[in-house]
Amino acid sequence: MDPSVDDSPARLAAALRRVLACRPGAVEAVSLARKLKEFTVELTVEIHTLPDIAARQALRRLRAEVEHITDELDTIQSAKGT
C-alpha cells in the first residue's frame, strides 16, 4: 500500500475543515453533505472489496472522517433552518 494513503484521512479532514471555516450557507452545506454521503457509500463498497487489510483500515479511517464532517454539515444545515 502507498504510504501516503495512511495520512489521507487527516489531509482530507483538514481540507474539509477549511471549507467549513468559510461557513457555507445552508444550500451549500446540503449539497456538500449529500456528495459526502455518496462518497461514504462508495468508500464502504471499496472497504468490502479490498483484500489488503491495511488499505481497508485506511479507508475506514477516511470514512470516519467523512462521516464526522457530514455530521458537522448537517448541524450547519439545521442551524440555518433548512
PDB file of N, CA and C in Angstrom:
ATOM      1  N   MET A   1       0.848  -1.183   0.000  1.00  0.00           N
ATOM      2  CA  MET A   1       0.000   0.000   0.000  1.00  0.00           C
ATOM      3  C   MET A   1       0.889   1.241   0.000  1.00  0.00           C
ATOM      4  N   ASP A   2       0.479   2.234  -0.725  1.00  0.00           N
ATOM      5  CA  ASP A   2       1.199   3.504  -0.801  1.00  0.00           C
ATOM      6  C   ASP A   2       1.215   4.151   0.587  1.00  0.00           C
ATOM      7  N   PRO A   3       2.408   4.508   1.114  1.00  0.00           N
ATOM      8  CA  PRO A   3       2.468   5.105   2.460  1.00  0.00           C
ATOM      9  C   PRO A   3       1.693   6.406   2.594  1.00  0.00           C
ATOM     10  N   SER A   4       1.510   7.125   1.506  1.00  0.00           N
ATOM     11  CA  SER A   4       0.778   8.393   1.591  1.00  0.00           C
ATOM     12  C   SER A   4      -0.699   8.174   1.883  1.00  0.00           C
ATOM     13  N   VAL A   5      -1.193   6.968   1.634  1.00  0.00           N
ATOM     14  CA  VAL A   5      -2.600   6.671   1.899  1.00  0.00           C
ATOM     15  C   VAL A   5      -2.878   6.733   3.393  1.00  0.00           C
ATOM     16  N   ASP A   6      -1.890   6.363   4.195  1.00  0.00           N
ATOM     17  CA  ASP A   6      -2.103   6.296   5.634  1.00  0.00           C
ATOM     18  C   ASP A   6      -2.478   7.645   6.244  1.00  0.00           C
ATOM     19  N   ASP A   7      -1.953   8.746   5.702  1.00  0.00           N
ATOM     20  CA  ASP A   7      -2.301  10.061   6.255  1.00  0.00           C
ATOM     21  C   ASP A   7      -3.400  10.757   5.456  1.00  0.00           C
ATOM     22  N   SER A   8      -3.987  10.062   4.504  1.00  0.00           N
ATOM     23  CA  SER A   8      -5.061  10.645   3.695  1.00  0.00           C
ATOM     24  C   SER A   8      -6.261  11.108   4.513  1.00  0.00           C
ATOM     25  N   PRO A   9      -6.720  10.334   5.515  1.00  0.00           N
ATOM     26  CA  PRO A   9      -7.861  10.808   6.298  1.00  0.00           C
ATOM     27  C   PRO A   9      -7.601  12.164   6.946  1.00  0.00           C
ATOM     28  N   ALA A  10      -6.428  12.343   7.496  1.00  0.00           N
ATOM     29  CA  ALA A  10      -6.109  13.618   8.145  1.00  0.00           C
ATOM     30  C   ALA A  10      -6.037  14.750   7.129  1.00  0.00           C
ATOM     31  N   ARG A  11      -5.472  14.481   5.965  1.00  0.00           N
ATOM     32  CA  ARG A  11      -5.382  15.523   4.927  1.00  0.00           C
ATOM     33  C   ARG A  11      -6.768  15.904   4.422  1.00  0.00           C
ATOM     34  N   LEU A  12      -7.622  14.909   4.211  1.00  0.00           N
ATOM     35  CA  LEU A  12      -8.982  15.199   3.754  1.00  0.00           C
ATOM     36  C   LEU A  12      -9.738  15.992   4.810  1.00  0.00           C
ATOM     37  N   ALA A  13      -9.620  15.586   6.052  1.00  0.00           N
ATOM     38  CA  ALA A  13     -10.309  16.297   7.130  1.00  0.00           C
ATOM     39  C   ALA A  13      -9.840  17.742   7.200  1.00  0.00           C
ATOM     40  N   ALA A  14      -8.545  17.963   7.057  1.00  0.00           N
ATOM     41  CA  ALA A  14      -8.015  19.335   7.097  1.00  0.00           C
ATOM     42  C   ALA A  14      -8.579  20.164   5.949  1.00  0.00           C
ATOM     43  N   ALA A  15      -8.648  19.580   4.774  1.00  0.00           N
ATOM     44  CA  ALA A  15      -9.189  20.303   3.617  1.00  0.00           C
ATOM     45  C   ALA A  15     -10.666  20.623   3.815  1.00  0.00           C
ATOM     46  N   LEU A  16     -11.422  19.669   4.314  1.00  0.00           N
ATOM     47  CA  LEU A  16     -12.849  19.901   4.525  1.00  0.00           C
ATOM     48  C   LEU A  16     -13.096  20.901   5.645  1.00  0.00           C
ATOM     49  N   ARG A  17     -12.244  20.904   6.645  1.00  0.00           N
ATOM     50  CA  ARG A  17     -12.401  21.884   7.729  1.00  0.00           C
ATOM     51  C   ARG A  17     -12.186  23.304   7.215  1.00  0.00           C
ATOM     52  N   ARG A  18     -11.313  23.461   6.226  1.00  0.00           N
ATOM     53  CA  ARG A  18     -11.141  24.792   5.621  1.00  0.00           C
ATOM     54  C   ARG A  18     -12.433  25.222   4.927  1.00  0.00           C
ATOM     55  N   VAL A  19     -13.120  24.267   4.314  1.00  0.00           N
ATOM     56  CA  VAL A  19     -14.412  24.573   3.691  1.00  0.00           C
ATOM     57  C   VAL A  19     -15.408  24.984   4.772  1.00  0.00           C
ATOM     58  N   LEU A  20     -15.444  24.245   5.870  1.00  0.00           N
ATOM     59  CA  LEU A  20     -16.364  24.576   6.961  1.00  0.00           C
ATOM     60  C   LEU A  20     -16.047  25.934   7.575  1.00  0.00           C
ATOM     61  N   ALA A  21     -14.775  26.285   7.616  1.00  0.00           N
ATOM     62  CA  ALA A  21     -14.368  27.576   8.186  1.00  0.00           C
ATOM     63  C   ALA A  21     -14.926  28.743   7.378  1.00  0.00           C
ATOM     64  N   CYS A  22     -15.232  28.499   6.118  1.00  0.00           N
ATOM     65  CA  CYS A  22     -15.823  29.543   5.264  1.00  0.00           C
ATOM     66  C   CYS A  22     -17.307  29.723   5.556  1.00  0.00           C
ATOM     67  N   ARG A  23     -17.808  28.936   6.484  1.00  0.00           N
ATOM     68  CA  ARG A  23     -19.215  28.990   6.881  1.00  0.00           C
ATOM     69  C   ARG A  23     -20.151  28.901   5.673  1.00  0.00           C
ATOM     70  N   PRO A  24     -20.212  27.713   5.088  1.00  0.00           N
ATOM     71  CA  PRO A  24     -21.073  27.569   3.915  1.00  0.00           C
ATOM     72  C   PRO A  24     -22.524  27.854   4.269  1.00  0.00           C
ATOM     73  N   GLY A  25     -23.245  28.391   3.315  1.00  0.00           N
ATOM     74  CA  GLY A  25     -24.668  28.611   3.505  1.00  0.00           C
ATOM     75  C   GLY A  25     -25.384  27.277   3.586  1.00  0.00           C
ATOM     76  N   ALA A  26     -26.634  27.317   3.967  1.00  0.00           N
ATOM     77  CA  ALA A  26     -27.401  26.089   4.147  1.00  0.00           C
ATOM     78  C   ALA A  26     -27.480  25.275   2.861  1.00  0.00           C
ATOM     79  N   VAL A  27     -27.685  25.950   1.733  1.00  0.00           N
ATOM     80  CA  VAL A  27     -27.797  25.238   0.455  1.00  0.00           C
ATOM     81  C   VAL A  27     -26.480  24.548   0.121  1.00  0.00           C
ATOM     82  N   GLU A  28     -25.364  25.268   0.314  1.00  0.00           N
ATOM     83  CA  GLU A  28     -24.056  24.677   0.047  1.00  0.00           C
ATOM     84  C   GLU A  28     -23.790  23.514   0.997  1.00  0.00           C
ATOM     85  N   ALA A  29     -24.182  23.671   2.259  1.00  0.00           N
ATOM     86  CA  ALA A  29     -23.983  22.608   3.246  1.00  0.00           C
ATOM     87  C   ALA A  29     -24.768  21.363   2.857  1.00  0.00           C
ATOM     88  N   VAL A  30     -25.992  21.550   2.404  1.00  0.00           N
ATOM     89  CA  VAL A  30     -26.826  20.421   1.983  1.00  0.00           C
ATOM     90  C   VAL A  30     -26.186  19.715   0.794  1.00  0.00           C
ATOM     91  N   SER A  31     -25.746  20.478  -0.181  1.00  0.00           N
ATOM     92  CA  SER A  31     -25.142  19.907  -1.380  1.00  0.00           C
ATOM     93  C   SER A  31     -23.865  19.143  -1.049  1.00  0.00           C
ATOM     94  N   LEU A  32     -23.000  19.753  -0.257  1.00  0.00           N
ATOM     95  CA  LEU A  32     -21.749  19.100   0.108  1.00  0.00           C
ATOM     96  C   LEU A  32     -22.015  17.862   0.961  1.00  0.00           C
ATOM     97  N   ALA A  33     -22.951  17.950   1.887  1.00  0.00           N
ATOM     98  CA  ALA A  33     -23.283  16.797   2.726  1.00  0.00           C
ATOM     99  C   ALA A  33     -23.797  15.640   1.872  1.00  0.00           C
ATOM    100  N   ARG A  34     -24.631  15.943   0.888  1.00  0.00           N
ATOM    101  CA  ARG A  34     -25.169  14.903   0.008  1.00  0.00           C
ATOM    102  C   ARG A  34     -24.033  14.206  -0.748  1.00  0.00           C
ATOM    103  N   LYS A  35     -23.108  15.003  -1.275  1.00  0.00           N
ATOM    104  CA  LYS A  35     -21.986  14.426  -2.019  1.00  0.00           C
ATOM    105  C   LYS A  35     -21.088  13.591  -1.107  1.00  0.00           C
ATOM    106  N   LEU A  36     -20.880  14.063   0.110  1.00  0.00           N
ATOM    107  CA  LEU A  36     -20.052  13.307   1.047  1.00  0.00           C
ATOM    108  C   LEU A  36     -20.737  12.010   1.472  1.00  0.00           C
ATOM    109  N   LYS A  37     -22.063  12.025   1.592  1.00  0.00           N
ATOM    110  CA  LYS A  37     -22.785  10.795   1.929  1.00  0.00           C
ATOM    111  C   LYS A  37     -22.654   9.779   0.798  1.00  0.00           C
ATOM    112  N   GLU A  38     -22.703  10.253  -0.446  1.00  0.00           N
ATOM    113  CA  GLU A  38     -22.494   9.362  -1.589  1.00  0.00           C
ATOM    114  C   GLU A  38     -21.076   8.793  -1.561  1.00  0.00           C
ATOM    115  N   PHE A  39     -20.111   9.647  -1.216  1.00  0.00           N
ATOM    116  CA  PHE A  39     -18.728   9.208  -1.120  1.00  0.00           C
ATOM    117  C   PHE A  39     -18.572   8.157  -0.023  1.00  0.00           C
ATOM    118  N   THR A  40     -19.289   8.325   1.079  1.00  0.00           N
ATOM    119  CA  THR A  40     -19.246   7.355   2.173  1.00  0.00           C
ATOM    120  C   THR A  40     -19.721   5.988   1.694  1.00  0.00           C
ATOM    121  N   VAL A  41     -20.774   5.971   0.890  1.00  0.00           N
ATOM    122  CA  VAL A  41     -21.277   4.709   0.339  1.00  0.00           C
ATOM    123  C   VAL A  41     -20.210   4.069  -0.546  1.00  0.00           C
ATOM    124  N   GLU A  42     -19.571   4.875  -1.392  1.00  0.00           N
ATOM    125  CA  GLU A  42     -18.517   4.353  -2.263  1.00  0.00           C
ATOM    126  C   GLU A  42     -17.356   3.793  -1.441  1.00  0.00           C
ATOM    127  N   LEU A  43     -16.992   4.492  -0.372  1.00  0.00           N
ATOM    128  CA  LEU A  43     -15.914   4.003   0.491  1.00  0.00           C
ATOM    129  C   LEU A  43     -16.287   2.669   1.127  1.00  0.00           C
ATOM    130  N   THR A  44     -17.530   2.544   1.557  1.00  0.00           N
ATOM    131  CA  THR A  44     -17.985   1.303   2.177  1.00  0.00           C
ATOM    132  C   THR A  44     -17.873   0.142   1.200  1.00  0.00           C
ATOM    133  N   VAL A  45     -18.262   0.364  -0.037  1.00  0.00           N
ATOM    134  CA  VAL A  45     -18.143  -0.677  -1.065  1.00  0.00           C
ATOM    135  C   VAL A  45     -16.679  -1.063  -1.245  1.00  0.00           C
ATOM    136  N   GLU A  46     -15.813  -0.064  -1.338  1.00  0.00           N
ATOM    137  CA  GLU A  46     -14.381  -0.331  -1.509  1.00  0.00           C
ATOM    138  C   GLU A  46     -13.817  -1.107  -0.327  1.00  0.00           C
ATOM    139  N   ILE A  47     -14.225  -0.741   0.872  1.00  0.00           N
ATOM    140  CA  ILE A  47     -13.734  -1.425   2.074  1.00  0.00           C
ATOM    141  C   ILE A  47     -14.047  -2.916   2.001  1.00  0.00           C
ATOM    142  N   HIS A  48     -15.238  -3.238   1.527  1.00  0.00           N
ATOM    143  CA  HIS A  48     -15.660  -4.639   1.481  1.00  0.00           C
ATOM    144  C   HIS A  48     -15.040  -5.413   0.329  1.00  0.00           C
ATOM    145  N   THR A  49     -14.449  -4.724  -0.638  1.00  0.00           N
ATOM    146  CA  THR A  49     -13.878  -5.432  -1.784  1.00  0.00           C
ATOM    147  C   THR A  49     -12.359  -5.516  -1.760  1.00  0.00           C
ATOM    148  N   LEU A  50     -11.706  -4.727  -0.919  1.00  0.00           N
ATOM    149  CA  LEU A  50     -10.239  -4.730  -0.881  1.00  0.00           C
ATOM    150  C   LEU A  50      -9.699  -5.926  -0.101  1.00  0.00           C
ATOM    151  N   PRO A  51      -8.716  -6.625  -0.665  1.00  0.00           N
ATOM    152  CA  PRO A  51      -8.109  -7.734   0.067  1.00  0.00           C
ATOM    153  C   PRO A  51      -7.041  -7.271   1.071  1.00  0.00           C
ATOM    154  N   ASP A  52      -6.480  -6.098   0.863  1.00  0.00           N
ATOM    155  CA  ASP A  52      -5.392  -5.582   1.698  1.00  0.00           C
ATOM    156  C   ASP A  52      -5.957  -5.013   3.003  1.00  0.00           C
ATOM    157  N   ILE A  53      -5.585  -5.627   4.126  1.00  0.00           N
ATOM    158  CA  ILE A  53      -6.109  -5.214   5.432  1.00  0.00           C
ATOM    159  C   ILE A  53      -5.725  -3.774   5.759  1.00  0.00           C
ATOM    160  N   ALA A  54      -4.481  -3.402   5.492  1.00  0.00           N
ATOM    161  CA  ALA A  54      -4.031  -2.034   5.791  1.00  0.00           C
ATOM    162  C   ALA A  54      -4.813  -1.016   4.968  1.00  0.00           C
ATOM    163  N   ALA A  55      -5.087  -1.340   3.720  1.00  0.00           N
ATOM    164  CA  ALA A  55      -5.863  -0.435   2.866  1.00  0.00           C
ATOM    165  C   ALA A  55      -7.286  -0.301   3.395  1.00  0.00           C
ATOM    166  N   ARG A  56      -7.861  -1.407   3.836  1.00  0.00           N
ATOM    167  CA  ARG A  56      -9.222  -1.345   4.403  1.00  0.00           C
ATOM    168  C   ARG A  56      -9.243  -0.478   5.653  1.00  0.00           C
ATOM    169  N   GLN A  57      -8.226  -0.616   6.493  1.00  0.00           N
ATOM    170  CA  GLN A  57      -8.164   0.200   7.708  1.00  0.00           C
ATOM    171  C   GLN A  57      -8.030   1.681   7.370  1.00  0.00           C
ATOM    172  N   ALA A  58      -7.219   1.997   6.371  1.00  0.00           N
ATOM    173  CA  ALA A  58      -7.061   3.395   5.956  1.00  0.00           C
ATOM    174  C   ALA A  58      -8.385   3.944   5.433  1.00  0.00           C
ATOM    175  N   LEU A  59      -9.097   3.145   4.645  1.00  0.00           N
ATOM    176  CA  LEU A  59     -10.391   3.598   4.125  1.00  0.00           C
ATOM    177  C   LEU A  59     -11.421   3.737   5.241  1.00  0.00           C
ATOM    178  N   ARG A  60     -11.348   2.901   6.246  1.00  0.00           N
ATOM    179  CA  ARG A  60     -12.267   3.042   7.390  1.00  0.00           C
ATOM    180  C   ARG A  60     -12.009   4.356   8.119  1.00  0.00           C
ATOM    181  N   ARG A  61     -10.732   4.701   8.287  1.00  0.00           N
ATOM    182  CA  ARG A  61     -10.405   5.983   8.933  1.00  0.00           C
ATOM    183  C   ARG A  61     -10.895   7.142   8.071  1.00  0.00           C
ATOM    184  N   LEU A  62     -10.709   7.022   6.774  1.00  0.00           N
ATOM    185  CA  LEU A  62     -11.174   8.050   5.851  1.00  0.00           C
ATOM    186  C   LEU A  62     -12.689   8.189   5.936  1.00  0.00           C
ATOM    187  N   ARG A  63     -13.382   7.053   5.933  1.00  0.00           N
ATOM    188  CA  ARG A  63     -14.843   7.081   6.018  1.00  0.00           C
ATOM    189  C   ARG A  63     -15.297   7.726   7.323  1.00  0.00           C
ATOM    190  N   ALA A  64     -14.623   7.438   8.423  1.00  0.00           N
ATOM    191  CA  ALA A  64     -14.984   8.034   9.716  1.00  0.00           C
ATOM    192  C   ALA A  64     -14.834   9.551   9.674  1.00  0.00           C
ATOM    193  N   GLU A  65     -13.763  10.039   9.057  1.00  0.00           N
ATOM    194  CA  GLU A  65     -13.568  11.491   8.936  1.00  0.00           C
ATOM    195  C   GLU A  65     -14.662  12.111   8.071  1.00  0.00           C
ATOM    196  N   VAL A  66     -14.986  11.457   6.966  1.00  0.00           N
ATOM    197  CA  VAL A  66     -16.029  11.975   6.075  1.00  0.00           C
ATOM    198  C   VAL A  66     -17.369  12.005   6.801  1.00  0.00           C
ATOM    199  N   GLU A  67     -17.671  10.958   7.555  1.00  0.00           N
ATOM    200  CA  GLU A  67     -18.928  10.926   8.310  1.00  0.00           C
ATOM    201  C   GLU A  67     -18.970  12.037   9.354  1.00  0.00           C
ATOM    202  N   HIS A  68     -17.844  12.294   9.996  1.00  0.00           N
ATOM    203  CA  HIS A  68     -17.788  13.362  11.001  1.00  0.00           C
ATOM    204  C   HIS A  68     -18.034  14.728  10.352  1.00  0.00           C
ATOM    205  N   ILE A  69     -17.396  14.975   9.229  1.00  0.00           N
ATOM    206  CA  ILE A  69     -17.591  16.244   8.515  1.00  0.00           C
ATOM    207  C   ILE A  69     -19.041  16.359   8.042  1.00  0.00           C
ATOM    208  N   THR A  70     -19.612  15.258   7.576  1.00  0.00           N
ATOM    209  CA  THR A  70     -21.011  15.269   7.136  1.00  0.00           C
ATOM    210  C   THR A  70     -21.927  15.641   8.298  1.00  0.00           C
ATOM    211  N   ASP A  71     -21.644  15.105   9.474  1.00  0.00           N
ATOM    212  CA  ASP A  71     -22.429  15.462  10.665  1.00  0.00           C
ATOM    213  C   ASP A  71     -22.329  16.957  10.956  1.00  0.00           C
ATOM    214  N   GLU A  72     -21.131  17.510  10.804  1.00  0.00           N
ATOM    215  CA  GLU A  72     -20.956  18.950  11.028  1.00  0.00           C
ATOM    216  C   GLU A  72     -21.754  19.761  10.003  1.00  0.00           C
ATOM    217  N   LEU A  73     -21.765  19.301   8.760  1.00  0.00           N
ATOM    218  CA  LEU A  73     -22.549  19.996   7.733  1.00  0.00           C
ATOM    219  C   LEU A  73     -24.039  19.906   8.041  1.00  0.00           C
ATOM    220  N   ASP A  74     -24.484  18.750   8.521  1.00  0.00           N
ATOM    221  CA  ASP A  74     -25.891  18.602   8.905  1.00  0.00           C
ATOM    222  C   ASP A  74     -26.246  19.569  10.035  1.00  0.00           C
ATOM    223  N   THR A  75     -25.312  19.788  10.947  1.00  0.00           N
ATOM    224  CA  THR A  75     -25.523  20.735  12.040  1.00  0.00           C
ATOM    225  C   THR A  75     -25.658  22.153  11.498  1.00  0.00           C
ATOM    226  N   ILE A  76     -24.809  22.505  10.533  1.00  0.00           N
ATOM    227  CA  ILE A  76     -24.897  23.829   9.899  1.00  0.00           C
ATOM    228  C   ILE A  76     -26.257  23.990   9.240  1.00  0.00           C
ATOM    229  N   GLN A  77     -26.672  22.956   8.531  1.00  0.00           N
ATOM    230  CA  GLN A  77     -27.958  22.992   7.838  1.00  0.00           C
ATOM    231  C   GLN A  77     -29.084  23.194   8.841  1.00  0.00           C
ATOM    232  N   SER A  78     -29.057  22.466   9.943  1.00  0.00           N
ATOM    233  CA  SER A  78     -30.106  22.582  10.960  1.00  0.00           C
ATOM    234  C   SER A  78     -30.115  23.963  11.600  1.00  0.00           C
ATOM    235  N   ALA A  79     -28.938  24.492  11.859  1.00  0.00           N
ATOM    236  CA  ALA A  79     -28.831  25.806  12.496  1.00  0.00           C
ATOM    237  C   ALA A  79     -29.355  26.917  11.599  1.00  0.00           C
ATOM    238  N   LYS A  80     -29.251  26.717  10.296  1.00  0.00           N
ATOM    239  CA  LYS A  80     -29.699  27.750   9.362  1.00  0.00           C
ATOM    240  C   LYS A  80     -31.151  27.562   8.963  1.00  0.00           C
ATOM    241  N   GLY A  81     -31.762  26.473   9.462  1.00  0.00           N
ATOM    242  CA  GLY A  81     -33.197  26.324   9.296  1.00  0.00           C
ATOM    243  C   GLY A  81     -33.683  25.790   7.976  1.00  0.00           C
ATOM    244  N   THR A  82     -32.884  24.965   7.300  1.00  0.00           N
ATOM    245  CA  THR A  82     -33.401  24.350   6.071  1.00  0.00           C
ATOM    246  C   THR A  82     -33.582  22.879   6.272  1.00  0.00           C
TER     247      THR A  82
END
